[in-house]
Protein backbone atom coordinates (compact mmCIF):
# COMPACT_ATOMS: atom_id res chain seq x y z
CA MET A 1 72.04 62.86 149.05
CA GLY A 2 75.05 60.60 148.76
CA GLY A 3 76.27 58.96 145.59
CA ASP A 4 74.35 55.77 146.33
CA TYR A 5 71.02 57.52 145.91
CA ALA A 6 70.38 55.78 142.60
CA ALA A 7 70.10 52.50 144.52
CA ARG A 8 67.23 53.88 146.53
CA MET A 9 64.34 54.16 144.12
CA PRO A 10 60.62 53.41 144.18
CA TYR A 11 59.43 50.19 142.56
CA LEU A 12 56.12 48.76 141.45
CA LYS A 13 54.35 45.45 142.04
CA ARG A 14 50.85 44.25 141.22
CA ASP A 15 48.32 42.32 143.28
CA GLY A 16 45.39 41.48 141.01
CA ASP A 17 43.82 44.76 139.99
CA VAL A 18 45.82 46.71 142.58
CA PHE A 19 49.14 48.32 141.75
CA VAL A 20 51.42 48.64 144.79
CA LEU A 21 53.99 51.43 144.57
CA TYR A 22 56.77 51.01 147.12
CA LEU A 23 58.46 54.29 147.98
CA GLY A 24 61.93 52.82 148.60
CA ASN A 25 64.30 50.24 147.18
CA GLU A 26 63.24 46.59 147.39
CA GLY A 27 64.56 44.91 150.50
CA GLN A 28 65.61 48.18 152.11
CA THR A 29 64.18 49.02 155.51
CA ASP A 30 66.27 52.02 156.57
CA SER A 31 65.35 54.62 153.94
CA GLU A 32 63.50 57.79 154.88
CA ASN A 33 62.09 58.02 151.32
CA ARG A 34 62.78 61.72 151.07
CA PHE A 35 61.80 63.74 148.02
CA HIS A 36 65.07 63.83 146.07
CA PRO A 37 64.42 65.17 142.54
CA ASP A 38 65.39 61.80 141.02
CA TRP A 39 63.01 60.06 143.42
CA ILE A 40 60.19 62.40 142.37
CA ASP A 41 60.91 61.66 138.71
CA GLU A 42 60.84 57.92 139.37
CA VAL A 43 57.53 58.11 141.24
CA HIS A 44 56.04 59.94 138.26
CA ALA A 45 57.48 57.29 135.94
CA LYS A 46 55.87 54.51 137.95
CA LEU A 47 52.57 56.38 137.98
CA ASP A 48 52.86 56.65 134.20
CA GLU A 49 53.15 52.85 134.06
CA VAL A 50 50.05 52.46 136.21
CA GLU A 51 48.05 54.91 134.10
CA ALA A 52 49.09 53.11 130.91
CA SER A 53 47.37 49.92 132.11
CA GLU A 54 43.89 49.00 131.01
CA GLY A 55 40.83 47.67 132.79
CA PRO A 56 39.94 47.84 136.48
CA GLY A 57 42.66 49.26 138.65
CA ALA A 58 43.57 50.92 141.93
CA LEU A 59 46.80 52.21 143.46
CA VAL A 60 48.32 51.62 146.89
CA THR A 61 51.50 53.34 148.07
CA VAL A 62 53.56 51.93 150.91
CA ALA A 63 57.14 51.69 152.18
CA THR A 64 59.12 49.37 154.40
CA GLY A 65 60.79 50.06 157.71
CA LYS A 66 60.42 53.02 160.06
CA PHE A 67 59.28 55.63 157.53
CA TYR A 68 56.54 56.03 154.99
CA SER A 69 58.29 59.25 154.00
CA ASN A 70 60.25 61.81 155.98
CA GLY A 71 59.46 64.52 153.47
CA LEU A 72 61.71 67.06 151.77
CA ASP A 73 65.26 66.09 150.94
CA THR A 74 66.78 68.92 152.97
CA ASP A 75 70.35 67.85 152.17
CA TRP A 76 69.64 68.31 148.45
CA LEU A 77 67.58 71.45 149.03
CA PHE A 78 70.19 73.31 151.05
CA GLY A 79 72.93 72.13 148.70
CA ASN A 80 71.01 73.50 145.71
CA PHE A 81 69.22 76.41 147.26
CA ASP A 82 69.23 78.45 144.06
CA LYS A 83 66.76 75.85 142.73
CA ASN A 84 64.46 75.83 145.76
CA HIS A 85 61.40 77.22 143.94
CA TRP A 86 61.79 74.69 141.11
CA TYR A 87 62.28 71.91 143.64
CA LEU A 88 59.21 72.75 145.70
CA ASP A 89 57.05 72.92 142.60
CA ARG A 90 58.30 69.44 141.68
CA VAL A 91 57.22 68.26 145.14
CA HIS A 92 53.79 69.82 144.57
CA SER A 93 53.49 67.97 141.26
CA LEU A 94 53.17 64.66 143.11
CA TYR A 95 50.30 65.96 145.21
CA THR A 96 48.50 67.25 142.13
CA ARG A 97 49.08 63.95 140.33
CA LEU A 98 47.72 61.81 143.14
CA LEU A 99 44.81 64.04 144.07
CA ALA A 100 43.38 63.78 140.56
CA PHE A 101 44.70 60.30 139.78
CA PRO A 102 42.29 58.48 137.42
CA MET A 103 41.86 55.46 139.66
CA PRO A 104 41.21 54.92 143.39
CA THR A 105 44.24 55.51 145.63
CA VAL A 106 45.03 54.27 149.13
CA ALA A 107 48.10 55.14 151.22
CA ALA A 108 49.33 52.36 153.50
CA VAL A 109 51.13 54.51 156.07
CA ASN A 110 53.59 51.96 157.42
CA GLY A 111 55.63 54.35 159.56
CA HIS A 112 56.38 58.00 160.13
CA ALA A 113 54.85 60.38 157.59
CA PHE A 114 56.40 63.77 158.27
CA GLY A 115 56.10 67.08 156.45
CA ALA A 116 55.96 66.56 152.71
CA GLY A 117 55.57 62.83 153.38
CA ALA A 118 52.45 63.47 155.46
CA MET A 119 51.11 65.59 152.63
CA LEU A 120 51.84 62.78 150.17
CA ALA A 121 49.63 60.44 152.20
CA THR A 122 46.97 63.15 152.42
CA SER A 123 46.92 63.40 148.61
CA HIS A 124 45.42 59.90 148.36
CA ASP A 125 41.71 59.14 148.39
CA PHE A 126 42.04 57.02 151.55
CA ARG A 127 44.66 56.23 154.18
CA VAL A 128 45.25 53.18 156.37
CA MET A 129 47.81 53.71 159.13
CA ARG A 130 49.93 51.30 161.12
CA ALA A 131 48.22 50.83 164.48
CA ASP A 132 51.09 50.46 166.91
CA ARG A 133 53.86 52.80 165.73
CA GLY A 134 54.46 55.82 163.56
CA PHE A 135 53.21 59.37 163.43
CA TRP A 136 51.58 61.65 160.87
CA CYS A 137 53.06 65.09 161.53
CA LEU A 138 53.59 68.51 159.97
CA PRO A 139 56.69 69.71 161.88
CA GLU A 140 57.30 72.87 159.85
CA VAL A 141 56.44 75.21 162.74
CA HIS A 142 59.25 73.68 164.81
CA LEU A 143 61.71 73.77 161.90
CA GLY A 144 61.17 77.44 161.11
CA MET A 145 59.86 76.53 157.66
CA PRO A 146 56.76 78.02 156.03
CA PHE A 147 54.15 76.18 154.04
CA THR A 148 54.07 77.03 150.36
CA VAL A 149 50.84 78.34 148.89
CA ALA A 150 50.39 74.93 147.29
CA MET A 151 51.01 72.99 150.50
CA ASN A 152 48.63 75.25 152.40
CA ALA A 153 45.98 74.60 149.75
CA LEU A 154 46.43 70.85 150.07
CA VAL A 155 46.30 70.68 153.86
CA THR A 156 43.41 73.09 154.27
CA GLY A 157 41.53 71.46 151.41
CA ARG A 158 41.85 67.93 152.77
CA LEU A 159 41.48 68.51 156.53
CA THR A 160 38.86 70.31 158.57
CA ASN A 161 39.81 73.84 159.54
CA GLN A 162 40.47 73.15 163.20
CA VAL A 163 42.51 70.02 162.49
CA ALA A 164 44.57 72.02 159.99
CA VAL A 165 45.07 74.74 162.60
CA GLU A 166 46.31 72.23 165.14
CA ALA A 167 48.46 70.25 162.71
CA MET A 168 50.07 73.29 161.06
CA THR A 169 50.56 75.60 164.05
CA THR A 170 51.50 73.11 166.77
CA GLY A 171 53.31 70.35 164.88
CA ARG A 172 51.34 67.73 166.77
CA ARG A 173 52.33 64.13 166.14
CA TYR A 174 49.24 62.05 165.43
CA ALA A 175 49.37 58.33 166.15
CA ALA A 176 46.81 56.11 164.43
CA ASP A 177 43.89 56.49 166.85
CA ASP A 178 44.28 60.27 167.06
CA ALA A 179 44.67 60.52 163.29
CA ILE A 180 41.45 58.56 162.79
CA ALA A 181 39.60 60.76 165.30
CA ALA A 182 40.85 63.87 163.47
CA GLY A 183 39.85 62.53 160.06
CA ILE A 184 43.45 62.51 158.84
CA VAL A 185 43.36 58.77 158.14
CA ASP A 186 40.46 56.41 157.63
CA ASP A 187 41.53 53.18 159.30
CA LYS A 188 44.37 51.37 161.04
CA ALA A 189 45.87 47.88 160.94
CA ASP A 190 48.62 45.96 162.65
CA ALA A 191 51.98 46.15 160.93
CA ASP A 192 51.80 42.65 159.42
CA GLN A 193 48.29 43.27 158.11
CA LEU A 194 48.64 46.87 156.96
CA LEU A 195 49.47 46.33 153.31
CA GLY A 196 46.85 43.59 153.00
CA ALA A 197 44.22 45.87 154.50
CA ALA A 198 45.11 48.70 152.10
CA VAL A 199 45.15 46.37 149.09
CA ALA A 200 41.80 44.87 150.11
CA ARG A 201 40.26 48.35 150.41
CA ALA A 202 41.69 49.35 147.04
CA ALA A 203 40.53 46.12 145.39
CA THR A 204 36.91 46.81 146.30
CA LEU A 205 37.21 50.13 144.46
CA ALA A 206 39.15 48.98 141.38
CA GLY A 207 35.98 48.68 139.31
CA ASN A 208 35.41 52.41 139.72
CA ARG A 209 38.23 53.10 137.32
CA LYS A 210 36.20 54.66 134.54
CA PRO A 211 36.72 57.84 132.52
CA ASN A 212 34.33 59.76 134.75
CA LEU A 213 36.41 59.15 137.90
CA ALA A 214 39.08 61.66 136.96
CA VAL A 215 36.37 64.18 136.06
CA ILE A 216 34.74 63.68 139.47
CA LYS A 217 38.04 64.06 141.31
CA LYS A 218 39.06 67.19 139.44
CA ALA A 219 35.73 68.82 140.22
CA LEU A 220 35.73 67.59 143.81
CA HIS A 221 39.20 69.01 144.46
CA ALA A 222 39.02 71.99 142.09
CA ARG A 223 39.93 74.65 144.65
CA THR A 224 42.75 72.57 146.14
CA LEU A 225 44.12 71.73 142.70
CA GLU A 226 44.07 75.39 141.75
CA GLY A 227 46.11 76.19 144.85
CA LEU A 228 48.52 73.35 144.13
CA MET A 229 49.23 74.83 140.71
CA THR A 230 50.40 78.14 142.23
CA PRO A 231 54.09 78.54 141.35
CA THR A 232 56.44 79.05 144.28
CA THR A 233 58.10 82.48 144.14
CA ALA A 234 60.21 84.66 146.41
CA GLU A 235 57.12 86.79 147.00
CA ASN A 236 54.95 83.95 148.31
CA LEU A 237 57.63 81.95 150.15
CA ALA A 238 59.47 83.58 153.06
CA PHE A 239 62.21 80.98 153.37
CA SER A 240 65.91 81.19 154.11
CA VAL A 241 68.75 78.83 154.93
CA SER A 242 68.92 80.23 158.45
């Protein structure tokens, strides 16, 4: 990423009992919200802030503009390829964090969610997708990129087998209606109502933030979480710059 990356960071707002984590800089509508290591660190920092709160609570993630997230920061990855295993495990850490997050989570998928960004949305409890534009897509098959053991665990743990087969082996782009039919997302809303719909859904669940919620989630997703904790190594990732 360029030297101005520091200006493009996630930020947090609050709407009643609902924390809203924006994936890009406030006022910016042209960011792809890719997983730069600094961006990952800042998302974790914001999640730390949310977890440190007390009382009822729920989390919504959203972005502005064309993208929810366009996934891996390939510029950084190919410029630091000697760190690719470390980097991918940092990416996985967000999925693990959200999947077992100790309060209800809703992704407001405001635009394209591609690759690692699609998986980020899939790590939430629920997803509301923009009705008129934007795709959820796993394009790795077209890019010549494999799925890590951890990514495979997430996708196959959260989607039905046949949907995972189609999504992972064909790179299909799912618009809102198709994503709902496939069980990838739960609902849709017009662009100007999307965040409100996600916040409203989250608000109805905020009272479920109790100590047992994290226990339930960890048991519910035990197999997926185990897969997500698998370190990325040369032996389990056939990946090259070419």
